[in-house]
Amino acid sequence: MKVAILGPGRMSSAMAGHWARSGHEVLIAGRTPDKVAALVDRLGPPARSVDFGEAVAEADVVLIGARGEGVAWTIEQAGAESFDRKVVIDISGPISRPHYVGDGPSLAEDLQRLIPGAHVVKGFALNRACTWDMEKISFDGHPLSIPLAGDDEGAKTAVSELVRSMGCTPIDFGGLERSRNLEAFAAVLVRLLLEGHDQYEVFNLLVRVPHWEDAGAAQRA
């Protein structure tokens, strides 16, 4: 699978490393050429430096690593229409009070309005960057669970494949409106981390429930 990273921040760069090591081709675009070049050099042949438009055009899945006002700027560089029919992962955490308290649309829903032709999937935002620096993302021997919210089933299937390639467990959390719940929960986790709780303690809340996927399949049958 070809994965575009638009904005190689610490979190998106660490995630790109997992995907490159598992055999996915990673396309890196960013506003700082030296930063992009350093990441491409670190990841090796599975990674390439490209411009924003080329990254989106070639990719099967696009991850937007920019935050705040940088999101609109990033979309402008590639052109909003270039995201049509693309799977787009929103990893952004709540950065203002309305999002923290679940008041109004989520950041993922805001992104969907900026690129209406895309299939936006909310995921990965419950974990801070150092989680993705782990070689094996597990807690007490259990893989980390990654809830995904999105309206397009095919898009969630594609992102689920990327989750599994990181050694984690995808959970279908419903439509994109459920991203509001995920962003509100992210605020809870951030508060625990800021209060000094160890990440192993905090993220044990999100480890794989045994037979979760089997139970979910049985419920859907």
C-alpha atoms as a PDB file:
ATOM      1  CA  MET A   1       0.000   0.000   0.000  1.00  0.00           C
ATOM      2  CA  LYS A   2       1.189   3.556  -0.696  1.00  0.00           C
ATOM      3  CA  VAL A   3       0.813   5.870   2.289  1.00  0.00           C
ATOM      4  CA  ALA A   4       1.308   9.634   2.024  1.00  0.00           C
ATOM      5  CA  ILE A   5       2.486  11.554   5.081  1.00  0.00           C
ATOM      6  CA  LEU A   6       1.615  15.233   4.730  1.00  0.00           C
ATOM      7  CA  GLY A   7       3.567  16.965   7.467  1.00  0.00           C
ATOM      8  CA  PRO A   8       6.192  14.731   9.109  1.00  0.00           C
ATOM      9  CA  GLY A   9       5.745  15.607  12.780  1.00  0.00           C
ATOM     10  CA  ARG A  10       6.997  13.390  15.583  1.00  0.00           C
ATOM     11  CA  MET A  11       3.855  11.250  15.707  1.00  0.00           C
ATOM     12  CA  SER A  12       3.348  10.877  11.954  1.00  0.00           C
ATOM     13  CA  SER A  13       7.076  10.191  11.443  1.00  0.00           C
ATOM     14  CA  ALA A  14       7.043   7.391  14.018  1.00  0.00           C
ATOM     15  CA  MET A  15       3.945   5.876  12.411  1.00  0.00           C
ATOM     16  CA  ALA A  16       5.618   6.120   8.995  1.00  0.00           C
ATOM     17  CA  GLY A  17       8.517   4.112  10.404  1.00  0.00           C
ATOM     18  CA  HIS A  18       6.228   1.232  11.364  1.00  0.00           C
ATOM     19  CA  TRP A  19       4.610   1.220   7.935  1.00  0.00           C
ATOM     20  CA  ALA A  20       7.914   1.376   6.071  1.00  0.00           C
ATOM     21  CA  ARG A  21       9.289  -1.530   8.100  1.00  0.00           C
ATOM     22  CA  SER A  22       6.197  -3.598   7.334  1.00  0.00           C
ATOM     23  CA  GLY A  23       6.640  -3.133   3.589  1.00  0.00           C
ATOM     24  CA  HIS A  24       4.392  -0.200   2.721  1.00  0.00           C
ATOM     25  CA  GLU A  25       5.691   2.520   0.405  1.00  0.00           C
ATOM     26  CA  VAL A  26       5.753   5.848   2.225  1.00  0.00           C
ATOM     27  CA  LEU A  27       5.536   9.190   0.405  1.00  0.00           C
ATOM     28  CA  ILE A  28       6.684  12.171   2.494  1.00  0.00           C
ATOM     29  CA  ALA A  29       5.709  15.794   1.834  1.00  0.00           C
ATOM     30  CA  GLY A  30       6.299  18.755   4.131  1.00  0.00           C
ATOM     31  CA  ARG A  31       7.010  22.445   4.304  1.00  0.00           C
ATOM     32  CA  THR A  32      10.558  21.938   5.647  1.00  0.00           C
ATOM     33  CA  PRO A  33      12.756  20.176   3.043  1.00  0.00           C
ATOM     34  CA  ASP A  34      15.538  19.309   5.501  1.00  0.00           C
ATOM     35  CA  LYS A  35      13.069  17.623   7.851  1.00  0.00           C
ATOM     36  CA  VAL A  36      11.551  15.620   5.001  1.00  0.00           C
ATOM     37  CA  ALA A  37      14.980  14.597   3.714  1.00  0.00           C
ATOM     38  CA  ALA A  38      16.100  13.463   7.175  1.00  0.00           C
ATOM     39  CA  LEU A  39      13.022  11.266   7.578  1.00  0.00           C
ATOM     40  CA  VAL A  40      13.383   9.737   4.110  1.00  0.00           C
ATOM     41  CA  ASP A  41      17.046   8.992   4.843  1.00  0.00           C
ATOM     42  CA  ARG A  42      16.137   7.349   8.166  1.00  0.00           C
ATOM     43  CA  LEU A  43      13.352   5.204   6.672  1.00  0.00           C
ATOM     44  CA  GLY A  44      15.383   4.084   3.672  1.00  0.00           C
ATOM     45  CA  PRO A  45      14.163   2.830   0.241  1.00  0.00           C
ATOM     46  CA  PRO A  46      10.475   2.320   1.186  1.00  0.00           C
ATOM     47  CA  ALA A  47      10.241   6.115   1.583  1.00  0.00           C
ATOM     48  CA  ARG A  48      10.374   8.908  -1.004  1.00  0.00           C
ATOM     49  CA  SER A  49      10.323  12.681  -0.824  1.00  0.00           C
ATOM     50  CA  VAL A  50       7.602  14.173  -3.052  1.00  0.00           C
ATOM     51  CA  ASP A  51       5.595  17.377  -3.264  1.00  0.00           C
ATOM     52  CA  PHE A  52       2.116  17.615  -1.746  1.00  0.00           C
ATOM     53  CA  GLY A  53       0.234  17.137  -4.993  1.00  0.00           C
ATOM     54  CA  GLU A  54       2.262  14.092  -6.028  1.00  0.00           C
ATOM     55  CA  ALA A  55       1.893  12.545  -2.575  1.00  0.00           C
ATOM     56  CA  VAL A  56      -1.896  12.727  -2.659  1.00  0.00           C
ATOM     57  CA  ALA A  57      -2.159  11.683  -6.299  1.00  0.00           C
ATOM     58  CA  GLU A  58      -0.086   8.501  -5.817  1.00  0.00           C
ATOM     59  CA  ALA A  59      -1.258   7.447  -2.366  1.00  0.00           C
ATOM     60  CA  ASP A  60      -3.843   4.852  -1.441  1.00  0.00           C
ATOM     61  CA  VAL A  61      -4.109   6.392   2.028  1.00  0.00           C
ATOM     62  CA  VAL A  62      -3.204   9.937   3.086  1.00  0.00           C
ATOM     63  CA  LEU A  63      -2.263  10.863   6.646  1.00  0.00           C
ATOM     64  CA  ILE A  64      -2.410  14.559   7.504  1.00  0.00           C
ATOM     65  CA  GLY A  65       0.203  15.241  10.158  1.00  0.00           C
ATOM     66  CA  ALA A  66      -0.334  18.994  10.306  1.00  0.00           C
ATOM     67  CA  ARG A  67      -2.176  20.576  13.223  1.00  0.00           C
ATOM     68  CA  GLY A  68      -4.326  23.654  13.721  1.00  0.00           C
ATOM     69  CA  GLU A  69      -4.030  26.235  10.958  1.00  0.00           C
ATOM     70  CA  GLY A  70      -1.475  24.025   9.230  1.00  0.00           C
ATOM     71  CA  VAL A  71      -4.242  21.650   8.118  1.00  0.00           C
ATOM     72  CA  ALA A  72      -5.881  24.166   5.783  1.00  0.00           C
ATOM     73  CA  TRP A  73      -2.449  25.198   4.459  1.00  0.00           C
ATOM     74  CA  THR A  74      -1.544  21.571   3.752  1.00  0.00           C
ATOM     75  CA  ILE A  75      -4.784  20.952   1.875  1.00  0.00           C
ATOM     76  CA  GLU A  76      -4.231  24.109  -0.154  1.00  0.00           C
ATOM     77  CA  GLN A  77      -0.783  22.891  -1.251  1.00  0.00           C
ATOM     78  CA  ALA A  78      -2.216  19.713  -2.757  1.00  0.00           C
ATOM     79  CA  GLY A  79      -5.573  21.177  -3.821  1.00  0.00           C
ATOM     80  CA  ALA A  80      -8.789  20.147  -2.115  1.00  0.00           C
ATOM     81  CA  GLU A  81     -10.089  18.394  -5.227  1.00  0.00           C
ATOM     82  CA  SER A  82      -7.042  16.082  -5.294  1.00  0.00           C
ATOM     83  CA  PHE A  83      -8.405  14.375  -2.145  1.00  0.00           C
ATOM     84  CA  ASP A  84     -11.550  13.197  -3.929  1.00  0.00           C
ATOM     85  CA  ARG A  85     -12.139   9.466  -3.302  1.00  0.00           C
ATOM     86  CA  LYS A  86      -8.942   9.268  -1.228  1.00  0.00           C
ATOM     87  CA  VAL A  87      -8.799   7.633   2.197  1.00  0.00           C
ATOM     88  CA  VAL A  88      -7.626  10.318   4.621  1.00  0.00           C
ATOM     89  CA  ILE A  89      -6.568   9.610   8.214  1.00  0.00           C
ATOM     90  CA  ASP A  90      -7.148  12.336  10.793  1.00  0.00           C
ATOM     91  CA  ILE A  91      -4.831  11.861  13.787  1.00  0.00           C
ATOM     92  CA  SER A  92      -5.362  15.300  15.305  1.00  0.00           C
ATOM     93  CA  GLY A  93      -6.055  15.673  18.996  1.00  0.00           C
ATOM     94  CA  PRO A  94      -8.395  18.285  20.473  1.00  0.00           C
ATOM     95  CA  ILE A  95      -6.581  21.595  20.658  1.00  0.00           C
ATOM     96  CA  SER A  96      -9.323  23.952  21.844  1.00  0.00           C
ATOM     97  CA  ARG A  97     -11.942  23.801  24.579  1.00  0.00           C
ATOM     98  CA  PRO A  98     -15.034  23.078  22.402  1.00  0.00           C
ATOM     99  CA  HIS A  99     -13.372  19.930  21.093  1.00  0.00           C
ATOM    100  CA  TYR A 100     -12.290  18.894  24.568  1.00  0.00           C
ATOM    101  CA  VAL A 101     -15.840  18.988  25.904  1.00  0.00           C
ATOM    102  CA  GLY A 102     -17.424  17.500  22.795  1.00  0.00           C
ATOM    103  CA  ASP A 103     -19.317  20.690  22.022  1.00  0.00           C
ATOM    104  CA  GLY A 104     -20.018  20.949  18.279  1.00  0.00           C
ATOM    105  CA  PRO A 105     -18.359  19.123  15.385  1.00  0.00           C
ATOM    106  CA  SER A 106     -15.141  17.165  15.859  1.00  0.00           C
ATOM    107  CA  LEU A 107     -11.829  18.043  14.239  1.00  0.00           C
ATOM    108  CA  ALA A 108     -12.394  15.073  11.911  1.00  0.00           C
ATOM    109  CA  GLU A 109     -15.769  16.445  10.840  1.00  0.00           C
ATOM    110  CA  ASP A 110     -14.156  19.848  10.261  1.00  0.00           C
ATOM    111  CA  LEU A 111     -11.569  18.146   8.049  1.00  0.00           C
ATOM    112  CA  GLN A 112     -14.278  16.317   6.111  1.00  0.00           C
ATOM    113  CA  ARG A 113     -15.900  19.658   5.296  1.00  0.00           C
ATOM    114  CA  LEU A 114     -12.580  20.972   3.945  1.00  0.00           C
ATOM    115  CA  ILE A 115     -12.202  17.950   1.639  1.00  0.00           C
ATOM    116  CA  PRO A 116     -15.794  16.806   1.001  1.00  0.00           C
ATOM    117  CA  GLY A 117     -14.830  14.303  -1.685  1.00  0.00           C
ATOM    118  CA  ALA A 118     -12.486  12.374   0.627  1.00  0.00           C
ATOM    119  CA  HIS A 119     -13.234   9.439   2.930  1.00  0.00           C
ATOM    120  CA  VAL A 120     -12.017  10.694   6.304  1.00  0.00           C
ATOM    121  CA  VAL A 121     -11.245   8.187   9.061  1.00  0.00           C
ATOM    122  CA  LYS A 122     -10.505   9.282  12.623  1.00  0.00           C
ATOM    123  CA  GLY A 123      -7.883   7.171  14.330  1.00  0.00           C
ATOM    124  CA  PHE A 124      -4.689   7.035  16.387  1.00  0.00           C
ATOM    125  CA  ALA A 125      -5.472  10.273  18.241  1.00  0.00           C
ATOM    126  CA  LEU A 126      -5.888   8.603  21.643  1.00  0.00           C
ATOM    127  CA  ASN A 127      -2.145   8.035  21.922  1.00  0.00           C
ATOM    128  CA  ARG A 128       0.736  10.429  22.256  1.00  0.00           C
ATOM    129  CA  ALA A 129       3.770  10.359  19.973  1.00  0.00           C
ATOM    130  CA  CYS A 130       6.002   8.277  22.265  1.00  0.00           C
ATOM    131  CA  THR A 131       3.576   5.366  21.933  1.00  0.00           C
ATOM    132  CA  TRP A 132       4.461   5.060  18.247  1.00  0.00           C
ATOM    133  CA  ASP A 133       8.176   5.179  19.106  1.00  0.00           C
ATOM    134  CA  MET A 134       7.770   1.762  20.734  1.00  0.00           C
ATOM    135  CA  GLU A 135       9.208  -1.086  18.670  1.00  0.00           C
ATOM    136  CA  LYS A 136       6.357  -3.337  19.776  1.00  0.00           C
ATOM    137  CA  ILE A 137       3.184  -1.429  20.618  1.00  0.00           C
ATOM    138  CA  SER A 138       1.767  -3.560  23.401  1.00  0.00           C
ATOM    139  CA  PHE A 139       0.937  -3.236  27.072  1.00  0.00           C
ATOM    140  CA  ASP A 140       1.191  -6.175  29.477  1.00  0.00           C
ATOM    141  CA  GLY A 141       1.553  -8.404  26.441  1.00  0.00           C
ATOM    142  CA  HIS A 142      -1.580  -7.162  24.693  1.00  0.00           C
ATOM    143  CA  PRO A 143      -1.501  -5.209  21.388  1.00  0.00           C
ATOM    144  CA  LEU A 144      -2.885  -1.696  21.569  1.00  0.00           C
ATOM    145  CA  SER A 145      -6.455  -1.308  20.302  1.00  0.00           C
ATOM    146  CA  ILE A 146      -7.087   1.504  17.804  1.00  0.00           C
ATOM    147  CA  PRO A 147     -10.726   2.688  17.484  1.00  0.00           C
ATOM    148  CA  LEU A 148     -11.557   3.978  13.989  1.00  0.00           C
ATOM    149  CA  ALA A 149     -14.503   6.218  13.114  1.00  0.00           C
ATOM    150  CA  GLY A 150     -15.555   6.898   9.528  1.00  0.00           C
ATOM    151  CA  ASP A 151     -18.532   6.814   7.201  1.00  0.00           C
ATOM    152  CA  ASP A 152     -16.952   4.739   4.404  1.00  0.00           C
ATOM    153  CA  GLU A 153     -16.510   1.034   5.159  1.00  0.00           C
ATOM    154  CA  GLY A 154     -13.866   0.572   2.478  1.00  0.00           C
ATOM    155  CA  ALA A 155     -11.818   3.406   3.954  1.00  0.00           C
ATOM    156  CA  LYS A 156     -11.979   1.867   7.424  1.00  0.00           C
ATOM    157  CA  THR A 157     -10.917  -1.474   5.965  1.00  0.00           C
ATOM    158  CA  ALA A 158      -7.830   0.144   4.402  1.00  0.00           C
ATOM    159  CA  VAL A 159      -6.881   1.900   7.625  1.00  0.00           C
ATOM    160  CA  SER A 160      -7.506  -1.312   9.571  1.00  0.00           C
ATOM    161  CA  GLU A 161      -4.884  -3.001   7.390  1.00  0.00           C
ATOM    162  CA  LEU A 162      -2.399  -0.295   8.346  1.00  0.00           C
ATOM    163  CA  VAL A 163      -3.296  -0.727  12.021  1.00  0.00           C
ATOM    164  CA  ARG A 164      -2.621  -4.465  11.849  1.00  0.00           C
ATOM    165  CA  SER A 165       0.680  -3.914  10.052  1.00  0.00           C
ATOM    166  CA  MET A 166       1.792  -1.951  13.142  1.00  0.00           C
ATOM    167  CA  GLY A 167       0.943  -4.922  15.337  1.00  0.00           C
ATOM    168  CA  CYS A 168      -2.161  -3.245  16.774  1.00  0.00           C
ATOM    169  CA  THR A 169      -5.839  -4.200  16.785  1.00  0.00           C
ATOM    170  CA  PRO A 170      -8.377  -2.104  14.823  1.00  0.00           C
ATOM    171  CA  ILE A 171     -11.836  -1.514  16.281  1.00  0.00           C
ATOM    172  CA  ASP A 172     -14.706  -0.271  14.116  1.00  0.00           C
ATOM    173  CA  PHE A 173     -16.099   2.547  16.257  1.00  0.00           C
ATOM    174  CA  GLY A 174     -18.876   3.560  13.857  1.00  0.00           C
ATOM    175  CA  GLY A 175     -19.501   6.589  11.656  1.00  0.00           C
ATOM    176  CA  LEU A 176     -17.507   9.797  11.557  1.00  0.00           C
ATOM    177  CA  GLU A 177     -19.841  11.459  14.064  1.00  0.00           C
ATOM    178  CA  ARG A 178     -18.404   9.057  16.644  1.00  0.00           C
ATOM    179  CA  SER A 179     -15.102  10.900  16.280  1.00  0.00           C
ATOM    180  CA  ARG A 180     -16.591  13.365  18.757  1.00  0.00           C
ATOM    181  CA  ASN A 181     -16.508  10.630  21.384  1.00  0.00           C
ATOM    182  CA  LEU A 182     -12.932   9.724  20.498  1.00  0.00           C
ATOM    183  CA  GLU A 183     -11.761  13.319  20.778  1.00  0.00           C
ATOM    184  CA  ALA A 184     -13.514  13.738  24.125  1.00  0.00           C
ATOM    185  CA  PHE A 185     -11.887  10.531  25.381  1.00  0.00           C
ATOM    186  CA  ALA A 186      -8.521  11.812  24.153  1.00  0.00           C
ATOM    187  CA  ALA A 187      -8.950  14.727  26.553  1.00  0.00           C
ATOM    188  CA  VAL A 188      -9.368  12.254  29.431  1.00  0.00           C
ATOM    189  CA  LEU A 189      -6.184  10.405  28.495  1.00  0.00           C
ATOM    190  CA  VAL A 190      -4.207  13.635  28.064  1.00  0.00           C
ATOM    191  CA  ARG A 191      -5.323  14.761  31.524  1.00  0.00           C
ATOM    192  CA  LEU A 192      -4.132  11.490  33.070  1.00  0.00           C
ATOM    193  CA  LEU A 193      -0.758  11.783  31.345  1.00  0.00           C
ATOM    194  CA  LEU A 194      -0.327  15.424  32.401  1.00  0.00           C
ATOM    195  CA  GLU A 195      -1.096  14.428  35.978  1.00  0.00           C
ATOM    196  CA  GLY A 196       1.897  12.120  35.868  1.00  0.00           C
ATOM    197  CA  HIS A 197       0.325   8.728  35.291  1.00  0.00           C
ATOM    198  CA  ASP A 198       2.624   6.316  33.475  1.00  0.00           C
ATOM    199  CA  GLN A 199       1.671   5.652  29.853  1.00  0.00           C
ATOM    200  CA  TYR A 200       1.619   1.904  30.540  1.00  0.00           C
ATOM    201  CA  GLU A 201      -1.042   2.534  33.163  1.00  0.00           C
ATOM    202  CA  VAL A 202      -3.028   4.906  30.961  1.00  0.00           C
ATOM    203  CA  PHE A 203      -2.943   2.930  27.740  1.00  0.00           C
ATOM    204  CA  ASN A 204      -3.793  -0.352  29.409  1.00  0.00           C
ATOM    205  CA  LEU A 205      -7.284   1.117  29.039  1.00  0.00           C
ATOM    206  CA  LEU A 206      -6.918   0.446  25.317  1.00  0.00           C
ATOM    207  CA  VAL A 207      -5.321  -2.968  25.069  1.00  0.00           C
ATOM    208  CA  ARG A 208      -6.889  -5.712  23.041  1.00  0.00           C
ATOM    209  CA  VAL A 209      -9.856  -7.380  24.662  1.00  0.00           C
ATOM    210  CA  PRO A 210      -9.432 -11.168  24.092  1.00  0.00           C
ATOM    211  CA  HIS A 211     -11.557 -12.365  21.178  1.00  0.00           C
ATOM    212  CA  TRP A 212     -12.799  -8.783  20.584  1.00  0.00           C
ATOM    213  CA  GLU A 213     -12.911  -9.239  16.821  1.00  0.00           C
ATOM    214  CA  ASP A 214     -14.560 -12.674  17.106  1.00  0.00           C
ATOM    215  CA  ALA A 215     -17.226 -11.240  19.420  1.00  0.00           C
ATOM    216  CA  GLY A 216     -17.829  -8.309  17.083  1.00  0.00           C
ATOM    217  CA  ALA A 217     -18.238 -10.631  14.102  1.00  0.00           C
ATOM    218  CA  ALA A 218     -20.736 -12.729  16.049  1.00  0.00           C
ATOM    219  CA  GLN A 219     -22.771  -9.646  16.969  1.00  0.00           C
ATOM    220  CA  ARG A 220     -22.895  -8.496  13.340  1.00  0.00           C
ATOM    221  CA  ALA A 221     -23.974 -11.935  12.074  1.00  0.00           C
END
